[in-house]
C-alpha atoms as a PDB file:
ATOM      1  CA  MET A   1     -58.606 -78.478 150.333  1.00  0.00           C
ATOM      2  CA  GLU A   2     -58.650 -79.121 154.062  1.00  0.00           C
ATOM      3  CA  THR A   3     -56.359 -81.775 155.464  1.00  0.00           C
ATOM      4  CA  LYS A   4     -56.616 -83.807 158.659  1.00  0.00           C
ATOM      5  CA  ARG A   5     -53.827 -81.619 160.050  1.00  0.00           C
ATOM      6  CA  MET A   6     -55.833 -78.450 159.307  1.00  0.00           C
ATOM      7  CA  GLU A   7     -58.890 -79.929 160.993  1.00  0.00           C
ATOM      8  CA  GLU A   8     -56.729 -80.789 164.001  1.00  0.00           C
ATOM      9  CA  MET A   9     -55.330 -77.230 164.078  1.00  0.00           C
ATOM     10  CA  TYR A  10     -58.863 -75.781 164.045  1.00  0.00           C
ATOM     11  CA  ARG A  11     -59.744 -78.028 166.999  1.00  0.00           C
ATOM     12  CA  ILE A  12     -56.603 -77.025 168.913  1.00  0.00           C
ATOM     13  CA  ILE A  13     -57.256 -73.328 168.251  1.00  0.00           C
ATOM     14  CA  GLY A  14     -60.815 -73.738 169.546  1.00  0.00           C
ATOM     15  CA  GLN A  15     -59.572 -75.509 172.683  1.00  0.00           C
ATOM     16  CA  THR A  16     -56.985 -72.808 173.317  1.00  0.00           C
ATOM     17  CA  LEU A  17     -59.617 -70.089 172.963  1.00  0.00           C
ATOM     18  CA  HIS A  18     -61.843 -71.957 175.400  1.00  0.00           C
ATOM     19  CA  GLU A  19     -58.886 -72.133 177.799  1.00  0.00           C
ATOM     20  CA  ILE A  20     -58.003 -68.429 177.613  1.00  0.00           C
ATOM     21  CA  ILE A  21     -61.545 -67.163 178.317  1.00  0.00           C
ATOM     22  CA  PRO A  22     -62.447 -67.496 181.997  1.00  0.00           C
ATOM     23  CA  GLY A  23     -65.991 -68.764 182.126  1.00  0.00           C
ATOM     24  CA  GLU A  24     -68.663 -69.432 179.552  1.00  0.00           C
ATOM     25  CA  TRP A  25     -68.792 -67.696 176.201  1.00  0.00           C
ATOM     26  CA  LYS A  26     -71.215 -67.924 173.303  1.00  0.00           C
ATOM     27  CA  LYS A  27     -69.369 -66.337 170.382  1.00  0.00           C
ATOM     28  CA  ILE A  28     -65.789 -65.375 169.524  1.00  0.00           C
ATOM     29  CA  VAL A  29     -64.704 -63.155 166.637  1.00  0.00           C
ATOM     30  CA  LEU A  30     -60.929 -63.356 166.177  1.00  0.00           C
ATOM     31  CA  TYR A  31     -58.304 -61.682 164.006  1.00  0.00           C
ATOM     32  CA  ALA A  32     -54.974 -63.397 163.372  1.00  0.00           C
ATOM     33  CA  GLU A  33     -52.141 -62.064 161.244  1.00  0.00           C
ATOM     34  CA  VAL A  34     -49.077 -64.159 160.482  1.00  0.00           C
ATOM     35  CA  LEU A  35     -46.141 -62.605 158.639  1.00  0.00           C
ATOM     36  CA  ASP A  36     -42.572 -63.816 158.188  1.00  0.00           C
ATOM     37  CA  ASP A  37     -41.215 -61.873 161.151  1.00  0.00           C
ATOM     38  CA  SER A  38     -44.262 -61.149 163.289  1.00  0.00           C
ATOM     39  CA  SER A  39     -47.776 -62.173 164.232  1.00  0.00           C
ATOM     40  CA  GLU A  40     -50.832 -60.610 165.839  1.00  0.00           C
ATOM     41  CA  VAL A  41     -53.820 -62.262 167.490  1.00  0.00           C
ATOM     42  CA  PHE A  42     -56.724 -60.583 169.233  1.00  0.00           C
ATOM     43  CA  PHE A  43     -60.369 -61.403 169.601  1.00  0.00           C
ATOM     44  CA  TYR A  44     -63.675 -60.290 171.013  1.00  0.00           C
ATOM     45  CA  PHE A  45     -66.131 -62.578 172.762  1.00  0.00           C
ATOM     46  CA  GLN A  46     -69.692 -62.553 174.033  1.00  0.00           C
ATOM     47  CA  THR A  47     -70.860 -64.258 177.203  1.00  0.00           C
ATOM     48  CA  PRO A  48     -74.296 -65.790 177.774  1.00  0.00           C
ATOM     49  CA  GLN A  49     -75.007 -62.907 180.172  1.00  0.00           C
ATOM     50  CA  ASN A  50     -73.890 -60.076 177.886  1.00  0.00           C
ATOM     51  CA  ASP A  51     -74.250 -59.482 174.143  1.00  0.00           C
ATOM     52  CA  GLU A  52     -71.566 -56.787 174.243  1.00  0.00           C
ATOM     53  CA  PHE A  53     -68.273 -58.029 172.829  1.00  0.00           C
ATOM     54  CA  GLU A  54     -65.401 -58.012 175.319  1.00  0.00           C
ATOM     55  CA  TYR A  55     -61.837 -57.416 174.087  1.00  0.00           C
ATOM     56  CA  SER A  56     -59.428 -60.295 174.662  1.00  0.00           C
ATOM     57  CA  HIS A  57     -56.509 -58.195 175.858  1.00  0.00           C
ATOM     58  CA  LEU A  58     -58.661 -56.918 178.752  1.00  0.00           C
ATOM     59  CA  ILE A  59     -59.200 -60.434 180.162  1.00  0.00           C
ATOM     60  CA  PRO A  60     -56.497 -60.079 182.872  1.00  0.00           C
ATOM     61  CA  GLU A  61     -57.924 -56.755 184.046  1.00  0.00           C
ATOM     62  CA  LEU A  62     -61.630 -57.644 183.822  1.00  0.00           C
ATOM     63  CA  TYR A  63     -61.423 -61.203 185.148  1.00  0.00           C
ATOM     64  CA  GLY A  64     -58.428 -61.047 187.481  1.00  0.00           C
ATOM     65  CA  VAL A  65     -56.432 -63.491 185.355  1.00  0.00           C
ATOM     66  CA  ASP A  66     -52.677 -63.477 185.941  1.00  0.00           C
ATOM     67  CA  GLU A  67     -51.066 -61.500 183.097  1.00  0.00           C
ATOM     68  CA  THR A  68     -48.318 -64.115 182.639  1.00  0.00           C
ATOM     69  CA  ILE A  69     -50.811 -66.960 182.282  1.00  0.00           C
ATOM     70  CA  TYR A  70     -52.868 -64.952 179.790  1.00  0.00           C
ATOM     71  CA  THR A  71     -49.777 -64.010 177.766  1.00  0.00           C
ATOM     72  CA  ASP A  72     -48.493 -67.604 177.707  1.00  0.00           C
ATOM     73  CA  ILE A  73     -51.804 -68.888 176.331  1.00  0.00           C
ATOM     74  CA  LEU A  74     -51.970 -65.997 173.847  1.00  0.00           C
ATOM     75  CA  PHE A  75     -48.510 -66.934 172.535  1.00  0.00           C
ATOM     76  CA  GLU A  76     -49.749 -70.516 172.145  1.00  0.00           C
ATOM     77  CA  LEU A  77     -52.488 -69.118 169.896  1.00  0.00           C
ATOM     78  CA  HIS A  78     -49.852 -67.266 167.856  1.00  0.00           C
ATOM     79  CA  ASP A  79     -47.967 -70.551 167.439  1.00  0.00           C
ATOM     80  CA  HIS A  80     -51.132 -72.431 166.433  1.00  0.00           C
ATOM     81  CA  PHE A  81     -51.936 -69.915 163.691  1.00  0.00           C
ATOM     82  CA  ARG A  82     -48.357 -70.054 162.410  1.00  0.00           C
ATOM     83  CA  SER A  83     -48.649 -73.872 162.300  1.00  0.00           C
ATOM     84  CA  LEU A  84     -51.934 -73.567 160.412  1.00  0.00           C
ATOM     85  CA  GLN A  85     -50.317 -71.250 157.883  1.00  0.00           C
ATOM     86  CA  ASN A  86     -47.375 -73.675 157.527  1.00  0.00           C
ATOM     87  CA  GLU A  87     -49.833 -76.484 156.753  1.00  0.00           C
ATOM     88  CA  PHE A  88     -51.274 -74.348 153.941  1.00  0.00           C
ATOM     89  CA  MET A  89     -47.737 -73.897 152.560  1.00  0.00           C
ATOM     90  CA  GLN A  90     -46.934 -77.612 152.809  1.00  0.00           C
ATOM     91  CA  GLN A  91     -50.099 -78.422 150.876  1.00  0.00           C
ATOM     92  CA  GLY A  92     -49.160 -75.980 148.098  1.00  0.00           C
ATOM     93  CA  GLN A  93     -52.171 -73.781 148.824  1.00  0.00           C
ATOM     94  CA  SER A  94     -52.238 -70.005 148.601  1.00  0.00           C
ATOM     95  CA  VAL A  95     -50.747 -68.604 151.762  1.00  0.00           C
ATOM     96  CA  TRP A  96     -52.941 -66.207 153.698  1.00  0.00           C
ATOM     97  CA  SER A  97     -51.498 -63.327 155.702  1.00  0.00           C
ATOM     98  CA  SER A  98     -54.477 -62.779 157.995  1.00  0.00           C
ATOM     99  CA  LEU A  99     -57.784 -64.366 158.844  1.00  0.00           C
ATOM    100  CA  THR A 100     -61.014 -63.724 160.664  1.00  0.00           C
ATOM    101  CA  LEU A 101     -62.434 -66.612 162.658  1.00  0.00           C
ATOM    102  CA  VAL A 102     -65.990 -66.627 163.985  1.00  0.00           C
ATOM    103  CA  LEU A 103     -66.533 -69.417 166.503  1.00  0.00           C
ATOM    104  CA  GLU A 104     -69.778 -70.216 168.277  1.00  0.00           C
ATOM    105  CA  SER A 105     -70.005 -72.184 171.520  1.00  0.00           C
ATOM    106  CA  THR A 106     -71.881 -74.887 169.591  1.00  0.00           C
ATOM    107  CA  GLY A 107     -68.657 -75.616 167.699  1.00  0.00           C
ATOM    108  CA  LYS A 108     -69.868 -74.029 164.470  1.00  0.00           C
ATOM    109  CA  PHE A 109     -67.187 -71.853 162.912  1.00  0.00           C
ATOM    110  CA  LYS A 110     -66.372 -69.820 159.829  1.00  0.00           C
ATOM    111  CA  ILE A 111     -62.987 -68.598 158.635  1.00  0.00           C
ATOM    112  CA  ASP A 112     -62.315 -65.873 156.087  1.00  0.00           C
ATOM    113  CA  TYR A 113     -58.740 -65.770 154.829  1.00  0.00           C
ATOM    114  CA  ASP A 114     -57.109 -62.580 153.542  1.00  0.00           C
ATOM    115  CA  TYR A 115     -54.178 -62.832 151.153  1.00  0.00           C
ATOM    116  CA  GLN A 116     -53.230 -59.145 151.007  1.00  0.00           C
ATOM    117  CA  ASN A 117     -49.945 -58.368 152.736  1.00  0.00           C
ATOM    118  CA  PRO A 118     -50.757 -55.901 155.542  1.00  0.00           C
ATOM    119  CA  VAL A 119     -47.239 -54.467 155.342  1.00  0.00           C
ATOM    120  CA  GLU A 120     -48.116 -53.164 151.867  1.00  0.00           C
ATOM    121  CA  SER A 121     -51.276 -51.485 153.178  1.00  0.00           C
ATOM    122  CA  GLU A 122     -51.491 -47.715 153.484  1.00  0.00           C
ATOM    123  CA  LEU A 123     -53.028 -48.285 156.934  1.00  0.00           C
ATOM    124  CA  ASP A 124     -51.055 -48.722 160.140  1.00  0.00           C
ATOM    125  CA  ASP A 125     -51.791 -51.479 162.686  1.00  0.00           C
ATOM    126  CA  TYR A 126     -54.269 -49.379 164.657  1.00  0.00           C
ATOM    127  CA  GLN A 127     -56.141 -48.232 161.576  1.00  0.00           C
ATOM    128  CA  ARG A 128     -56.406 -51.803 160.284  1.00  0.00           C
ATOM    129  CA  GLN A 129     -57.801 -52.845 163.662  1.00  0.00           C
ATOM    130  CA  PHE A 130     -60.380 -50.012 163.586  1.00  0.00           C
ATOM    131  CA  VAL A 131     -61.523 -51.098 160.119  1.00  0.00           C
ATOM    132  CA  TRP A 132     -61.631 -54.781 161.129  1.00  0.00           C
ATOM    133  CA  GLU A 133     -63.620 -54.013 164.308  1.00  0.00           C
ATOM    134  CA  TYR A 134     -66.118 -51.957 162.341  1.00  0.00           C
ATOM    135  CA  ARG A 135     -66.550 -54.544 159.574  1.00  0.00           C
ATOM    136  CA  ASN A 136     -66.782 -57.563 161.868  1.00  0.00           C
ATOM    137  CA  LEU A 137     -68.386 -56.160 165.009  1.00  0.00           C
ATOM    138  CA  GLY A 138     -70.021 -52.895 163.937  1.00  0.00           C
ATOM    139  CA  LYS A 139     -67.790 -51.247 166.546  1.00  0.00           C
ATOM    140  CA  TRP A 140     -66.658 -47.621 166.313  1.00  0.00           C
ATOM    141  CA  PRO A 141     -63.411 -46.333 167.850  1.00  0.00           C
ATOM    142  CA  LYS A 142     -63.813 -44.563 171.190  1.00  0.00           C
ATOM    143  CA  SER A 143     -61.972 -41.325 170.425  1.00  0.00           C
ATOM    144  CA  GLU A 144     -63.575 -38.674 168.236  1.00  0.00           C
ATOM    145  CA  ASP A 145     -60.413 -38.338 166.132  1.00  0.00           C
ATOM    146  CA  ASN A 146     -60.394 -42.054 165.342  1.00  0.00           C
ATOM    147  CA  GLN A 147     -64.143 -42.026 164.650  1.00  0.00           C
ATOM    148  CA  LYS A 148     -63.624 -39.179 162.177  1.00  0.00           C
ATOM    149  CA  TRP A 149     -60.723 -41.012 160.570  1.00  0.00           C
ATOM    150  CA  LEU A 150     -62.793 -44.214 160.180  1.00  0.00           C
ATOM    151  CA  GLU A 151     -65.762 -42.301 158.793  1.00  0.00           C
ATOM    152  CA  ASP A 152     -63.519 -40.594 156.200  1.00  0.00           C
ATOM    153  CA  HIS A 153     -61.795 -43.870 155.367  1.00  0.00           C
ATOM    154  CA  LEU A 154     -65.104 -45.657 154.794  1.00  0.00           C
ATOM    155  CA  LYS A 155     -66.418 -42.821 152.601  1.00  0.00           C
ATOM    156  CA  ASN A 156     -63.255 -42.844 150.488  1.00  0.00           C
ATOM    157  CA  LYS A 157     -63.351 -46.632 150.041  1.00  0.00           C
ATOM    158  CA  ARG A 158     -66.802 -46.575 148.419  1.00  0.00           C
END
């Protein structure tokens, strides 16, 4: 059950994403992970001029954004997702450990929550990101070794 607070958090997250991307965008696909002692947030976005997804952590380099400003806004996103997770706890709902958010510039969005603890996964952080990128963006790792690993992983998961 969604609460007014959850709806407000979704709005704030959307505003913060709009703030961190310099210029227009048409679609964002975001991964957020919130654990007791850590969190991770990264996303990819498309612009009206380019259907290729751009990686969020390259924004300072690609757009000339001050690294400190980018990092400050990114940490705000971390805080917003932790607040969202806390709202789930306060409402007695199952607590997710990670989520995938797809947000379109029209305001339409979809969130898929994952309840599996990533710490208990046999995959490390990089491997989980490779799998997530493939499943959500159809994106293969750049290095041949990582491509081979992902190919083997996907074959073994079927």
